[in-house]
């Protein structure tokens, strides 16, 4: 997975990345998961569909596998959420092994 390139969405206001914070059945957060997109148009489609009013607040950031590891270390993300279908959305969550 980390030998491939992905796209991230980053706020041009505060520099934070778009993340998901899934909840357990008890309503507790399991941490922040960095959202990854396999193509630039998927990321843009996700924004247009689910956050149209703030689309202009985000920029696309392409990252390689090694850069992804550095981003995850710096921001202490619990894992990644690979967006499989940006319209539904279908997201595959993967917890990072340390």
PDB file of N, CA and C in Angstrom:
ATOM      1  N   UNK A   1       0.814  -1.195   0.000  1.00  0.00           N
ATOM      2  CA  UNK A   1       0.000   0.000   0.000  1.00  0.00           C
ATOM      3  C   UNK A   1       0.857   1.257   0.000  1.00  0.00           C
ATOM      4  N   UNK A   2       1.970   1.252   0.712  1.00  0.00           N
ATOM      5  CA  UNK A   2       2.766   2.463   0.846  1.00  0.00           C
ATOM      6  C   UNK A   2       3.733   2.683  -0.316  1.00  0.00           C
ATOM      7  N   UNK A   3       3.738   1.809  -1.326  1.00  0.00           N
ATOM      8  CA  UNK A   3       4.596   2.023  -2.486  1.00  0.00           C
ATOM      9  C   UNK A   3       3.869   2.825  -3.560  1.00  0.00           C
ATOM     10  N   UNK A   4       2.635   3.134  -3.333  1.00  0.00           N
ATOM     11  CA  UNK A   4       1.788   3.828  -4.283  1.00  0.00           C
ATOM     12  C   UNK A   4       1.670   5.312  -3.915  1.00  0.00           C
ATOM     13  N   UNK A   5       1.194   6.114  -4.838  1.00  0.00           N
ATOM     14  CA  UNK A   5       0.923   7.523  -4.546  1.00  0.00           C
ATOM     15  C   UNK A   5      -0.557   7.707  -4.248  1.00  0.00           C
ATOM     16  N   UNK A   6      -0.844   8.644  -3.355  1.00  0.00           N
ATOM     17  CA  UNK A   6      -2.215   8.937  -2.966  1.00  0.00           C
ATOM     18  C   UNK A   6      -2.418  10.441  -2.957  1.00  0.00           C
ATOM     19  N   UNK A   7      -3.657  10.842  -2.743  1.00  0.00           N
ATOM     20  CA  UNK A   7      -4.000  12.254  -2.647  1.00  0.00           C
ATOM     21  C   UNK A   7      -4.656  12.513  -1.298  1.00  0.00           C
ATOM     22  N   UNK A   8      -4.271  13.612  -0.688  1.00  0.00           N
ATOM     23  CA  UNK A   8      -4.843  14.058   0.569  1.00  0.00           C
ATOM     24  C   UNK A   8      -5.533  15.390   0.330  1.00  0.00           C
ATOM     25  N   UNK A   9      -6.450  15.735   1.204  1.00  0.00           N
ATOM     26  CA  UNK A   9      -7.076  17.046   1.174  1.00  0.00           C
ATOM     27  C   UNK A   9      -6.599  17.803   2.407  1.00  0.00           C
ATOM     28  N   UNK A  10      -6.056  18.981   2.153  1.00  0.00           N
ATOM     29  CA  UNK A  10      -5.495  19.789   3.238  1.00  0.00           C
ATOM     30  C   UNK A  10      -6.137  21.167   3.236  1.00  0.00           C
ATOM     31  N   UNK A  11      -6.472  21.640   4.418  1.00  0.00           N
ATOM     32  CA  UNK A  11      -7.093  22.947   4.560  1.00  0.00           C
ATOM     33  C   UNK A  11      -6.086  24.042   4.228  1.00  0.00           C
ATOM     34  N   UNK A  12      -6.494  24.984   3.392  1.00  0.00           N
ATOM     35  CA  UNK A  12      -5.614  26.116   3.110  1.00  0.00           C
ATOM     36  C   UNK A  12      -5.827  27.237   4.121  1.00  0.00           C
ATOM     37  N   UNK A  13      -6.646  26.977   5.140  1.00  0.00           N
ATOM     38  CA  UNK A  13      -6.866  27.949   6.206  1.00  0.00           C
ATOM     39  C   UNK A  13      -5.942  27.666   7.394  1.00  0.00           C
ATOM     40  N   UNK A  14      -5.958  26.417   7.865  1.00  0.00           N
ATOM     41  CA  UNK A  14      -5.140  26.096   9.041  1.00  0.00           C
ATOM     42  C   UNK A  14      -4.124  24.976   8.811  1.00  0.00           C
ATOM     43  N   UNK A  15      -4.061  24.431   7.605  1.00  0.00           N
ATOM     44  CA  UNK A  15      -3.059  23.422   7.279  1.00  0.00           C
ATOM     45  C   UNK A  15      -3.378  22.012   7.736  1.00  0.00           C
ATOM     46  N   UNK A  16      -4.538  21.806   8.313  1.00  0.00           N
ATOM     47  CA  UNK A  16      -4.905  20.466   8.780  1.00  0.00           C
ATOM     48  C   UNK A  16      -5.426  19.614   7.630  1.00  0.00           C
ATOM     49  N   UNK A  17      -5.231  18.312   7.791  1.00  0.00           N
ATOM     50  CA  UNK A  17      -5.696  17.360   6.794  1.00  0.00           C
ATOM     51  C   UNK A  17      -7.142  16.949   7.073  1.00  0.00           C
ATOM     52  N   UNK A  18      -7.839  16.549   6.019  1.00  0.00           N
ATOM     53  CA  UNK A  18      -9.189  16.021   6.166  1.00  0.00           C
ATOM     54  C   UNK A  18      -9.080  14.622   6.756  1.00  0.00           C
ATOM     55  N   UNK A  19      -9.761  14.405   7.859  1.00  0.00           N
ATOM     56  CA  UNK A  19      -9.689  13.128   8.570  1.00  0.00           C
ATOM     57  C   UNK A  19     -11.095  12.620   8.855  1.00  0.00           C
ATOM     58  N   UNK A  20     -11.163  11.350   9.226  1.00  0.00           N
ATOM     59  CA  UNK A  20     -12.389  10.749   9.730  1.00  0.00           C
ATOM     60  C   UNK A  20     -12.128  10.362  11.172  1.00  0.00           C
ATOM     61  N   UNK A  21     -13.146  10.480  11.993  1.00  0.00           N
ATOM     62  CA  UNK A  21     -13.030  10.093  13.394  1.00  0.00           C
ATOM     63  C   UNK A  21     -14.182   9.147  13.720  1.00  0.00           C
ATOM     64  N   UNK A  22     -14.019   7.870  13.340  1.00  0.00           N
ATOM     65  CA  UNK A  22     -15.096   6.908  13.575  1.00  0.00           C
ATOM     66  C   UNK A  22     -15.359   6.707  15.064  1.00  0.00           C
ATOM     67  N   UNK A  23     -16.607   6.334  15.362  1.00  0.00           N
ATOM     68  CA  UNK A  23     -17.009   6.107  16.743  1.00  0.00           C
ATOM     69  C   UNK A  23     -17.306   4.626  16.957  1.00  0.00           C
ATOM     70  N   UNK A  24     -17.093   4.170  18.175  1.00  0.00           N
ATOM     71  CA  UNK A  24     -17.476   2.809  18.545  1.00  0.00           C
ATOM     72  C   UNK A  24     -18.991   2.786  18.723  1.00  0.00           C
ATOM     73  N   UNK A  25     -19.536   1.622  18.944  1.00  0.00           N
ATOM     74  CA  UNK A  25     -20.979   1.512  19.180  1.00  0.00           C
ATOM     75  C   UNK A  25     -21.392   2.266  20.440  1.00  0.00           C
ATOM     76  N   UNK A  26     -20.456   2.434  21.367  1.00  0.00           N
ATOM     77  CA  UNK A  26     -20.732   3.180  22.601  1.00  0.00           C
ATOM     78  C   UNK A  26     -20.612   4.684  22.396  1.00  0.00           C
ATOM     79  N   UNK A  27     -20.251   5.111  21.178  1.00  0.00           N
ATOM     80  CA  UNK A  27     -20.139   6.533  20.882  1.00  0.00           C
ATOM     81  C   UNK A  27     -18.800   7.147  21.216  1.00  0.00           C
ATOM     82  N   UNK A  28     -17.793   6.317  21.489  1.00  0.00           N
ATOM     83  CA  UNK A  28     -16.460   6.822  21.814  1.00  0.00           C
ATOM     84  C   UNK A  28     -15.595   6.884  20.562  1.00  0.00           C
ATOM     85  N   UNK A  29     -14.773   7.904  20.467  1.00  0.00           N
ATOM     86  CA  UNK A  29     -13.873   8.052  19.321  1.00  0.00           C
ATOM     87  C   UNK A  29     -12.755   7.020  19.380  1.00  0.00           C
ATOM     88  N   UNK A  30     -12.409   6.481  18.214  1.00  0.00           N
ATOM     89  CA  UNK A  30     -11.289   5.532  18.148  1.00  0.00           C
ATOM     90  C   UNK A  30     -10.033   6.204  17.622  1.00  0.00           C
ATOM     91  N   UNK A  31     -10.076   7.516  17.428  1.00  0.00           N
ATOM     92  CA  UNK A  31      -8.922   8.260  16.952  1.00  0.00           C
ATOM     93  C   UNK A  31      -9.161   8.860  15.580  1.00  0.00           C
ATOM     94  N   UNK A  32      -8.154   9.566  15.099  1.00  0.00           N
ATOM     95  CA  UNK A  32      -8.235  10.229  13.790  1.00  0.00           C
ATOM     96  C   UNK A  32      -7.583   9.374  12.713  1.00  0.00           C
ATOM     97  N   UNK A  33      -8.276   9.240  11.601  1.00  0.00           N
ATOM     98  CA  UNK A  33      -7.790   8.477  10.464  1.00  0.00           C
ATOM     99  C   UNK A  33      -7.662   9.414   9.264  1.00  0.00           C
ATOM    100  N   UNK A  34      -6.479   9.470   8.711  1.00  0.00           N
ATOM    101  CA  UNK A  34      -6.198  10.320   7.559  1.00  0.00           C
ATOM    102  C   UNK A  34      -6.912   9.761   6.334  1.00  0.00           C
ATOM    103  N   UNK A  35      -7.717  10.591   5.657  1.00  0.00           N
ATOM    104  CA  UNK A  35      -8.426  10.125   4.471  1.00  0.00           C
ATOM    105  C   UNK A  35      -7.506  10.155   3.256  1.00  0.00           C
ATOM    106  N   UNK A  36      -7.437   9.014   2.569  1.00  0.00           N
ATOM    107  CA  UNK A  36      -6.607   8.867   1.364  1.00  0.00           C
ATOM    108  C   UNK A  36      -7.496   8.639   0.157  1.00  0.00           C
ATOM    109  N   UNK A  37      -7.108   9.258  -0.942  1.00  0.00           N
ATOM    110  CA  UNK A  37      -7.820   9.071  -2.206  1.00  0.00           C
ATOM    111  C   UNK A  37      -6.834   8.534  -3.230  1.00  0.00           C
ATOM    112  N   UNK A  38      -7.307   7.621  -4.088  1.00  0.00           N
ATOM    113  CA  UNK A  38      -6.433   7.001  -5.070  1.00  0.00           C
ATOM    114  C   UNK A  38      -6.229   7.871  -6.311  1.00  0.00           C
ATOM    115  N   UNK A  39      -7.107   8.833  -6.514  1.00  0.00           N
ATOM    116  CA  UNK A  39      -6.986   9.721  -7.678  1.00  0.00           C
ATOM    117  C   UNK A  39      -7.435  11.132  -7.284  1.00  0.00           C
ATOM    118  N   UNK A  40      -6.891  12.115  -7.975  1.00  0.00           N
ATOM    119  CA  UNK A  40      -7.232  13.500  -7.656  1.00  0.00           C
ATOM    120  C   UNK A  40      -8.714  13.785  -7.867  1.00  0.00           C
ATOM    121  N   UNK A  41      -9.295  13.232  -8.940  1.00  0.00           N
ATOM    122  CA  UNK A  41     -10.706  13.484  -9.220  1.00  0.00           C
ATOM    123  C   UNK A  41     -11.615  12.849  -8.160  1.00  0.00           C
ATOM    124  N   UNK A  42     -11.165  11.766  -7.507  1.00  0.00           N
ATOM    125  CA  UNK A  42     -11.958  11.175  -6.431  1.00  0.00           C
ATOM    126  C   UNK A  42     -12.013  12.108  -5.223  1.00  0.00           C
ATOM    127  N   UNK A  43     -10.903  12.731  -4.901  1.00  0.00           N
ATOM    128  CA  UNK A  43     -10.861  13.671  -3.784  1.00  0.00           C
ATOM    129  C   UNK A  43     -11.759  14.875  -4.064  1.00  0.00           C
ATOM    130  N   UNK A  44     -11.671  15.395  -5.264  1.00  0.00           N
ATOM    131  CA  UNK A  44     -12.493  16.548  -5.634  1.00  0.00           C
ATOM    132  C   UNK A  44     -13.975  16.182  -5.664  1.00  0.00           C
ATOM    133  N   UNK A  45     -14.281  14.984  -6.126  1.00  0.00           N
ATOM    134  CA  UNK A  45     -15.659  14.501  -6.145  1.00  0.00           C
ATOM    135  C   UNK A  45     -16.205  14.353  -4.725  1.00  0.00           C
ATOM    136  N   UNK A  46     -15.378  13.847  -3.827  1.00  0.00           N
ATOM    137  CA  UNK A  46     -15.767  13.706  -2.429  1.00  0.00           C
ATOM    138  C   UNK A  46     -16.143  15.069  -1.839  1.00  0.00           C
ATOM    139  N   UNK A  47     -15.297  16.054  -2.058  1.00  0.00           N
ATOM    140  CA  UNK A  47     -15.580  17.404  -1.550  1.00  0.00           C
ATOM    141  C   UNK A  47     -16.848  17.986  -2.164  1.00  0.00           C
ATOM    142  N   UNK A  48     -16.983  17.861  -3.463  1.00  0.00           N
ATOM    143  CA  UNK A  48     -18.146  18.425  -4.151  1.00  0.00           C
ATOM    144  C   UNK A  48     -19.447  17.794  -3.677  1.00  0.00           C
ATOM    145  N   UNK A  49     -19.395  16.513  -3.352  1.00  0.00           N
ATOM    146  CA  UNK A  49     -20.594  15.798  -2.932  1.00  0.00           C
ATOM    147  C   UNK A  49     -20.936  16.026  -1.471  1.00  0.00           C
ATOM    148  N   UNK A  50     -19.936  16.043  -0.592  1.00  0.00           N
ATOM    149  CA  UNK A  50     -20.199  16.043   0.842  1.00  0.00           C
ATOM    150  C   UNK A  50     -19.857  17.341   1.567  1.00  0.00           C
ATOM    151  N   UNK A  51     -19.185  18.248   0.901  1.00  0.00           N
ATOM    152  CA  UNK A  51     -18.799  19.501   1.568  1.00  0.00           C
ATOM    153  C   UNK A  51     -18.690  20.637   0.555  1.00  0.00           C
ATOM    154  N   UNK A  52     -19.696  20.757  -0.260  1.00  0.00           N
ATOM    155  CA  UNK A  52     -19.661  21.732  -1.353  1.00  0.00           C
ATOM    156  C   UNK A  52     -19.406  23.169  -0.879  1.00  0.00           C
ATOM    157  N   UNK A  53     -19.926  23.521   0.279  1.00  0.00           N
ATOM    158  CA  UNK A  53     -19.783  24.903   0.756  1.00  0.00           C
ATOM    159  C   UNK A  53     -18.359  25.248   1.194  1.00  0.00           C
ATOM    160  N   UNK A  54     -17.519  24.251   1.441  1.00  0.00           N
ATOM    161  CA  UNK A  54     -16.146  24.526   1.880  1.00  0.00           C
ATOM    162  C   UNK A  54     -15.101  23.997   0.888  1.00  0.00           C
ATOM    163  N   UNK A  55     -15.521  23.659  -0.299  1.00  0.00           N
ATOM    164  CA  UNK A  55     -14.597  23.122  -1.310  1.00  0.00           C
ATOM    165  C   UNK A  55     -13.405  24.040  -1.537  1.00  0.00           C
ATOM    166  N   UNK A  56     -13.638  25.320  -1.545  1.00  0.00           N
ATOM    167  CA  UNK A  56     -12.556  26.275  -1.805  1.00  0.00           C
ATOM    168  C   UNK A  56     -11.559  26.371  -0.647  1.00  0.00           C
ATOM    169  N   UNK A  57     -11.869  25.766   0.476  1.00  0.00           N
ATOM    170  CA  UNK A  57     -10.985  25.809   1.646  1.00  0.00           C
ATOM    171  C   UNK A  57      -9.957  24.680   1.644  1.00  0.00           C
ATOM    172  N   UNK A  58      -9.995  23.814   0.635  1.00  0.00           N
ATOM    173  CA  UNK A  58      -9.091  22.673   0.592  1.00  0.00           C
ATOM    174  C   UNK A  58      -8.263  22.658  -0.682  1.00  0.00           C
ATOM    175  N   UNK A  59      -7.069  22.117  -0.555  1.00  0.00           N
ATOM    176  CA  UNK A  59      -6.192  21.906  -1.702  1.00  0.00           C
ATOM    177  C   UNK A  59      -5.803  20.427  -1.743  1.00  0.00           C
ATOM    178  N   UNK A  60      -5.545  19.955  -2.935  1.00  0.00           N
ATOM    179  CA  UNK A  60      -5.076  18.583  -3.114  1.00  0.00           C
ATOM    180  C   UNK A  60      -3.589  18.507  -2.835  1.00  0.00           C
ATOM    181  N   UNK A  61      -3.185  17.457  -2.168  1.00  0.00           N
ATOM    182  CA  UNK A  61      -1.770  17.261  -1.880  1.00  0.00           C
ATOM    183  C   UNK A  61      -1.401  15.824  -2.251  1.00  0.00           C
ATOM    184  N   UNK A  62      -0.638  15.642  -3.327  1.00  0.00           N
ATOM    185  CA  UNK A  62      -0.196  14.285  -3.658  1.00  0.00           C
ATOM    186  C   UNK A  62       0.918  13.857  -2.714  1.00  0.00           C
ATOM    187  N   UNK A  63       0.894  12.583  -2.291  1.00  0.00           N
ATOM    188  CA  UNK A  63       1.935  12.066  -1.399  1.00  0.00           C
ATOM    189  C   UNK A  63       2.357  10.673  -1.836  1.00  0.00           C
ATOM    190  N   UNK A  64       3.642  10.405  -1.652  1.00  0.00           N
ATOM    191  CA  UNK A  64       4.164   9.061  -1.884  1.00  0.00           C
ATOM    192  C   UNK A  64       4.036   8.277  -0.579  1.00  0.00           C
ATOM    193  N   UNK A  65       4.331   7.003  -0.642  1.00  0.00           N
ATOM    194  CA  UNK A  65       4.260   6.166   0.543  1.00  0.00           C
ATOM    195  C   UNK A  65       5.165   6.634   1.662  1.00  0.00           C
ATOM    196  N   UNK A  66       6.376   7.045   1.336  1.00  0.00           N
ATOM    197  CA  UNK A  66       7.297   7.500   2.386  1.00  0.00           C
ATOM    198  C   UNK A  66       6.825   8.822   2.989  1.00  0.00           C
ATOM    199  N   UNK A  67       6.293   9.699   2.174  1.00  0.00           N
ATOM    200  CA  UNK A  67       5.759  10.959   2.699  1.00  0.00           C
ATOM    201  C   UNK A  67       4.548  10.698   3.589  1.00  0.00           C
ATOM    202  N   UNK A  68       3.757   9.719   3.216  1.00  0.00           N
ATOM    203  CA  UNK A  68       2.573   9.374   3.993  1.00  0.00           C
ATOM    204  C   UNK A  68       2.960   8.938   5.401  1.00  0.00           C
ATOM    205  N   UNK A  69       3.984   8.147   5.506  1.00  0.00           N
ATOM    206  CA  UNK A  69       4.477   7.706   6.808  1.00  0.00           C
ATOM    207  C   UNK A  69       4.914   8.914   7.640  1.00  0.00           C
ATOM    208  N   UNK A  70       5.592   9.851   7.021  1.00  0.00           N
ATOM    209  CA  UNK A  70       6.043  11.047   7.741  1.00  0.00           C
ATOM    210  C   UNK A  70       4.865  11.893   8.217  1.00  0.00           C
ATOM    211  N   UNK A  71       3.845  12.044   7.376  1.00  0.00           N
ATOM    212  CA  UNK A  71       2.648  12.809   7.755  1.00  0.00           C
ATOM    213  C   UNK A  71       1.955  12.134   8.938  1.00  0.00           C
ATOM    214  N   UNK A  72       1.845  10.818   8.877  1.00  0.00           N
ATOM    215  CA  UNK A  72       1.179  10.088   9.957  1.00  0.00           C
ATOM    216  C   UNK A  72       1.945  10.211  11.277  1.00  0.00           C
ATOM    217  N   UNK A  73       3.266  10.177  11.190  1.00  0.00           N
ATOM    218  CA  UNK A  73       4.086  10.351  12.393  1.00  0.00           C
ATOM    219  C   UNK A  73       3.917  11.752  12.978  1.00  0.00           C
ATOM    220  N   UNK A  74       4.002  12.747  12.121  1.00  0.00           N
ATOM    221  CA  UNK A  74       3.954  14.134  12.582  1.00  0.00           C
ATOM    222  C   UNK A  74       2.621  14.487  13.244  1.00  0.00           C
ATOM    223  N   UNK A  75       1.525  14.009  12.666  1.00  0.00           N
ATOM    224  CA  UNK A  75       0.204  14.377  13.155  1.00  0.00           C
ATOM    225  C   UNK A  75      -0.405  13.316  14.082  1.00  0.00           C
ATOM    226  N   UNK A  76       0.312  12.228  14.326  1.00  0.00           N
ATOM    227  CA  UNK A  76      -0.132  11.149  15.234  1.00  0.00           C
ATOM    228  C   UNK A  76      -1.492  10.553  14.858  1.00  0.00           C
ATOM    229  N   UNK A  77      -1.661  10.249  13.581  1.00  0.00           N
ATOM    230  CA  UNK A  77      -2.901   9.619  13.144  1.00  0.00           C
ATOM    231  C   UNK A  77      -2.921   8.164  13.575  1.00  0.00           C
ATOM    232  N   UNK A  78      -4.083   7.672  13.921  1.00  0.00           N
ATOM    233  CA  UNK A  78      -4.250   6.282  14.351  1.00  0.00           C
ATOM    234  C   UNK A  78      -4.122   5.325  13.173  1.00  0.00           C
ATOM    235  N   UNK A  79      -4.488   5.803  11.997  1.00  0.00           N
ATOM    236  CA  UNK A  79      -4.432   4.982  10.792  1.00  0.00           C
ATOM    237  C   UNK A  79      -4.888   5.788   9.599  1.00  0.00           C
ATOM    238  N   UNK A  80      -5.274   5.075   8.564  1.00  0.00           N
ATOM    239  CA  UNK A  80      -5.751   5.733   7.347  1.00  0.00           C
ATOM    240  C   UNK A  80      -7.144   5.222   7.008  1.00  0.00           C
ATOM    241  N   UNK A  81      -7.851   6.036   6.283  1.00  0.00           N
ATOM    242  CA  UNK A  81      -9.148   5.658   5.736  1.00  0.00           C
ATOM    243  C   UNK A  81      -9.042   5.779   4.227  1.00  0.00           C
ATOM    244  N   UNK A  82      -8.958   4.651   3.547  1.00  0.00           N
ATOM    245  CA  UNK A  82      -8.847   4.645   2.088  1.00  0.00           C
ATOM    246  C   UNK A  82     -10.246   4.750   1.503  1.00  0.00           C
ATOM    247  N   UNK A  83     -10.503   5.854   0.823  1.00  0.00           N
ATOM    248  CA  UNK A  83     -11.831   6.101   0.259  1.00  0.00           C
ATOM    249  C   UNK A  83     -11.972   5.269  -1.006  1.00  0.00           C
ATOM    250  N   UNK A  84     -12.871   4.293  -0.962  1.00  0.00           N
ATOM    251  CA  UNK A  84     -13.103   3.388  -2.092  1.00  0.00           C
ATOM    252  C   UNK A  84     -14.132   3.966  -3.065  1.00  0.00           C
ATOM    253  N   UNK A  85     -15.133   4.633  -2.529  1.00  0.00           N
ATOM    254  CA  UNK A  85     -16.169   5.253  -3.368  1.00  0.00           C
ATOM    255  C   UNK A  85     -16.484   6.617  -2.774  1.00  0.00           C
ATOM    256  N   UNK A  86     -16.075   7.687  -3.433  1.00  0.00           N
ATOM    257  CA  UNK A  86     -16.257   9.021  -2.854  1.00  0.00           C
ATOM    258  C   UNK A  86     -17.704   9.495  -2.817  1.00  0.00           C
ATOM    259  N   UNK A  87     -18.577   8.916  -3.603  1.00  0.00           N
ATOM    260  CA  UNK A  87     -19.952   9.391  -3.644  1.00  0.00           C
ATOM    261  C   UNK A  87     -20.813   8.786  -2.546  1.00  0.00           C
ATOM    262  N   UNK A  88     -20.555   7.543  -2.159  1.00  0.00           N
ATOM    263  CA  UNK A  88     -21.400   6.851  -1.192  1.00  0.00           C
ATOM    264  C   UNK A  88     -21.230   7.358   0.226  1.00  0.00           C
ATOM    265  N   UNK A  89     -20.163   7.642   0.861  1.00  0.00           N
ATOM    266  CA  UNK A  89     -18.802   7.174   0.630  1.00  0.00           C
ATOM    267  C   UNK A  89     -18.567   5.809   1.288  1.00  0.00           C
ATOM    268  N   UNK A  90     -17.684   5.061   0.674  1.00  0.00           N
ATOM    269  CA  UNK A  90     -17.243   3.798   1.239  1.00  0.00           C
ATOM    270  C   UNK A  90     -15.778   3.969   1.591  1.00  0.00           C
ATOM    271  N   UNK A  91     -15.465   3.760   2.861  1.00  0.00           N
ATOM    272  CA  UNK A  91     -14.109   3.990   3.353  1.00  0.00           C
ATOM    273  C   UNK A  91     -13.609   2.738   4.059  1.00  0.00           C
ATOM    274  N   UNK A  92     -12.427   2.294   3.693  1.00  0.00           N
ATOM    275  CA  UNK A  92     -11.798   1.153   4.347  1.00  0.00           C
ATOM    276  C   UNK A  92     -10.803   1.694   5.371  1.00  0.00           C
ATOM    277  N   UNK A  93     -11.075   1.467   6.649  1.00  0.00           N
ATOM    278  CA  UNK A  93     -10.214   1.961   7.719  1.00  0.00           C
ATOM    279  C   UNK A  93      -9.142   0.932   8.041  1.00  0.00           C
ATOM    280  N   UNK A  94      -7.928   1.416   8.171  1.00  0.00           N
ATOM    281  CA  UNK A  94      -6.800   0.557   8.509  1.00  0.00           C
ATOM    282  C   UNK A  94      -6.026   1.183   9.667  1.00  0.00           C
ATOM    283  N   UNK A  95      -5.899   0.431  10.755  1.00  0.00           N
ATOM    284  CA  UNK A  95      -5.164   0.909  11.917  1.00  0.00           C
ATOM    285  C   UNK A  95      -3.669   0.681  11.673  1.00  0.00           C
ATOM    286  N   UNK A  96      -2.913   1.671  12.013  1.00  0.00           N
ATOM    287  CA  UNK A  96      -1.468   1.615  11.796  1.00  0.00           C
ATOM    288  C   UNK A  96      -0.774   0.793  12.868  1.00  0.00           C
ATOM    289  N   UNK A  97       0.086  -0.093  12.426  1.00  0.00           N
ATOM    290  CA  UNK A  97       0.916  -0.870  13.338  1.00  0.00           C
ATOM    291  C   UNK A  97       2.143  -0.054  13.662  1.00  0.00           C
ATOM    292  N   UNK A  98       2.494   0.058  14.891  1.00  0.00           N
ATOM    293  CA  UNK A  98       3.684   0.839  15.258  1.00  0.00           C
ATOM    294  C   UNK A  98       4.806  -0.066  15.635  1.00  0.00           C
TER     295      UNK A  98
END
